[in-house]
Amino acid sequence: MLTTYIEAAMRRATCKLLPEDGTYFCEIPDTPGVWADADTREAGLQELRSVLEDWITLGLARRRPLPVIDGIDINPQHALPGAGTPE
């Protein structure tokens, strides 16, 4: 299911060429902080996938709710907003 979630998220990825320096900026809507920049679109998407994987791992470890993407919900049943924050 995790692979399916990642693939669904990556299908939503957008990349744009930045005219200032000729690099590509890639991001995935609804995944705050998941972005990458690179010299080529392909390299940007590869880096974006790595950032997404780390973002998911951290979110699950901290029991943060992750967005449902294309009907795919990878949240544990006990994930609650604010769960996992230091007390």
C-alpha atoms as a PDB file:
ATOM      1  CA  MET A   1       0.000   0.000   0.000  1.00  0.00           C
ATOM      2  CA  LEU A   2       2.882   2.375   0.721  1.00  0.00           C
ATOM      3  CA  THR A   3       4.248   2.019  -2.799  1.00  0.00           C
ATOM      4  CA  THR A   4       0.789   2.697  -4.227  1.00  0.00           C
ATOM      5  CA  TYR A   5       0.523   5.828  -2.065  1.00  0.00           C
ATOM      6  CA  ILE A   6       3.929   7.092  -3.213  1.00  0.00           C
ATOM      7  CA  GLU A   7       3.074   6.457  -6.862  1.00  0.00           C
ATOM      8  CA  ALA A   8      -0.254   8.291  -6.477  1.00  0.00           C
ATOM      9  CA  ALA A   9       1.478  11.251  -4.837  1.00  0.00           C
ATOM     10  CA  MET A  10       4.140  11.352  -7.543  1.00  0.00           C
ATOM     11  CA  ARG A  11       1.457  11.466 -10.237  1.00  0.00           C
ATOM     12  CA  ARG A  12       0.377  14.771  -8.667  1.00  0.00           C
ATOM     13  CA  ALA A  13       3.893  16.216  -8.793  1.00  0.00           C
ATOM     14  CA  THR A  14       4.437  19.408 -10.704  1.00  0.00           C
ATOM     15  CA  CYS A  15       7.724  20.796 -11.956  1.00  0.00           C
ATOM     16  CA  LYS A  16       8.489  24.200 -13.340  1.00  0.00           C
ATOM     17  CA  LEU A  17      11.584  25.590 -14.937  1.00  0.00           C
ATOM     18  CA  LEU A  18      12.914  28.570 -13.020  1.00  0.00           C
ATOM     19  CA  PRO A  19      14.088  31.184 -15.519  1.00  0.00           C
ATOM     20  CA  GLU A  20      16.370  32.857 -12.971  1.00  0.00           C
ATOM     21  CA  ASP A  21      18.844  29.989 -12.859  1.00  0.00           C
ATOM     22  CA  GLY A  22      17.521  27.326 -15.246  1.00  0.00           C
ATOM     23  CA  THR A  23      16.804  24.764 -12.521  1.00  0.00           C
ATOM     24  CA  TYR A  24      13.597  22.812 -12.034  1.00  0.00           C
ATOM     25  CA  PHE A  25      11.437  23.233  -8.947  1.00  0.00           C
ATOM     26  CA  CYS A  26       9.208  20.235  -8.202  1.00  0.00           C
ATOM     27  CA  GLU A  27       6.532  19.835  -5.551  1.00  0.00           C
ATOM     28  CA  ILE A  28       3.476  17.774  -4.640  1.00  0.00           C
ATOM     29  CA  PRO A  29       0.267  19.613  -3.716  1.00  0.00           C
ATOM     30  CA  ASP A  30      -1.144  18.828  -0.252  1.00  0.00           C
ATOM     31  CA  THR A  31       2.230  17.620   1.083  1.00  0.00           C
ATOM     32  CA  PRO A  32       3.680  20.592   2.979  1.00  0.00           C
ATOM     33  CA  GLY A  33       7.442  20.809   2.796  1.00  0.00           C
ATOM     34  CA  VAL A  34       7.803  18.186   0.073  1.00  0.00           C
ATOM     35  CA  TRP A  35       9.758  19.880  -2.705  1.00  0.00           C
ATOM     36  CA  ALA A  36      12.997  19.560  -4.599  1.00  0.00           C
ATOM     37  CA  ASP A  37      15.077  21.475  -7.079  1.00  0.00           C
ATOM     38  CA  ALA A  38      17.603  20.152  -9.577  1.00  0.00           C
ATOM     39  CA  ASP A  39      19.317  20.855 -12.860  1.00  0.00           C
ATOM     40  CA  THR A  40      16.946  18.574 -14.803  1.00  0.00           C
ATOM     41  CA  ARG A  41      13.284  17.653 -14.465  1.00  0.00           C
ATOM     42  CA  GLU A  42      14.181  13.972 -14.083  1.00  0.00           C
ATOM     43  CA  ALA A  43      16.662  14.687 -11.295  1.00  0.00           C
ATOM     44  CA  GLY A  44      14.086  16.923  -9.608  1.00  0.00           C
ATOM     45  CA  LEU A  45      11.476  14.158  -9.664  1.00  0.00           C
ATOM     46  CA  GLN A  46      13.990  11.640  -8.340  1.00  0.00           C
ATOM     47  CA  GLU A  47      14.905  13.940  -5.459  1.00  0.00           C
ATOM     48  CA  LEU A  48      11.220  14.694  -4.864  1.00  0.00           C
ATOM     49  CA  ARG A  49      10.467  10.978  -4.454  1.00  0.00           C
ATOM     50  CA  SER A  50      13.250  10.704  -1.859  1.00  0.00           C
ATOM     51  CA  VAL A  51      11.940  13.741   0.031  1.00  0.00           C
ATOM     52  CA  LEU A  52       8.405  12.293  -0.088  1.00  0.00           C
ATOM     53  CA  GLU A  53       9.592   8.970   1.324  1.00  0.00           C
ATOM     54  CA  ASP A  54      11.381  10.726   4.199  1.00  0.00           C
ATOM     55  CA  TRP A  55       8.318  12.939   4.821  1.00  0.00           C
ATOM     56  CA  ILE A  56       6.056   9.885   5.037  1.00  0.00           C
ATOM     57  CA  THR A  57       8.467   8.049   7.342  1.00  0.00           C
ATOM     58  CA  LEU A  58       8.721  11.015   9.683  1.00  0.00           C
ATOM     59  CA  GLY A  59       4.969  11.619   9.626  1.00  0.00           C
ATOM     60  CA  LEU A  60       4.214   8.013  10.520  1.00  0.00           C
ATOM     61  CA  ALA A  61       6.900   7.932  13.219  1.00  0.00           C
ATOM     62  CA  ARG A  62       5.467  11.050  14.821  1.00  0.00           C
ATOM     63  CA  ARG A  63       1.899   9.861  14.286  1.00  0.00           C
ATOM     64  CA  ARG A  64       1.065  12.927  12.225  1.00  0.00           C
ATOM     65  CA  PRO A  65      -1.955  12.655   9.949  1.00  0.00           C
ATOM     66  CA  LEU A  66      -0.957  12.282   6.318  1.00  0.00           C
ATOM     67  CA  PRO A  67      -3.233  13.365   3.477  1.00  0.00           C
ATOM     68  CA  VAL A  68      -5.406  10.779   1.778  1.00  0.00           C
ATOM     69  CA  ILE A  69      -4.272  10.684  -1.849  1.00  0.00           C
ATOM     70  CA  ASP A  70      -6.510   9.211  -4.542  1.00  0.00           C
ATOM     71  CA  GLY A  71      -8.483   7.447  -1.826  1.00  0.00           C
ATOM     72  CA  ILE A  72      -5.357   5.849  -0.339  1.00  0.00           C
ATOM     73  CA  ASP A  73      -5.148   6.326   3.418  1.00  0.00           C
ATOM     74  CA  ILE A  74      -1.918   5.129   5.024  1.00  0.00           C
ATOM     75  CA  ASN A  75      -2.661   6.660   8.420  1.00  0.00           C
ATOM     76  CA  PRO A  76      -2.687   4.306  11.386  1.00  0.00           C
ATOM     77  CA  GLN A  77      -6.091   4.309  13.057  1.00  0.00           C
ATOM     78  CA  HIS A  78      -4.653   6.057  16.113  1.00  0.00           C
ATOM     79  CA  ALA A  79      -3.166   9.024  14.233  1.00  0.00           C
ATOM     80  CA  LEU A  80      -4.531  12.229  15.688  1.00  0.00           C
ATOM     81  CA  PRO A  81      -3.723  15.885  15.027  1.00  0.00           C
ATOM     82  CA  GLY A  82      -0.932  16.872  17.402  1.00  0.00           C
ATOM     83  CA  ALA A  83      -0.146  13.295  18.440  1.00  0.00           C
ATOM     84  CA  GLY A  84       3.481  12.597  19.089  1.00  0.00           C
ATOM     85  CA  THR A  85       4.347  16.122  20.181  1.00  0.00           C
ATOM     86  CA  PRO A  86       6.604  16.403  23.218  1.00  0.00           C
ATOM     87  CA  GLU A  87       4.764  17.002  26.462  1.00  0.00           C
END
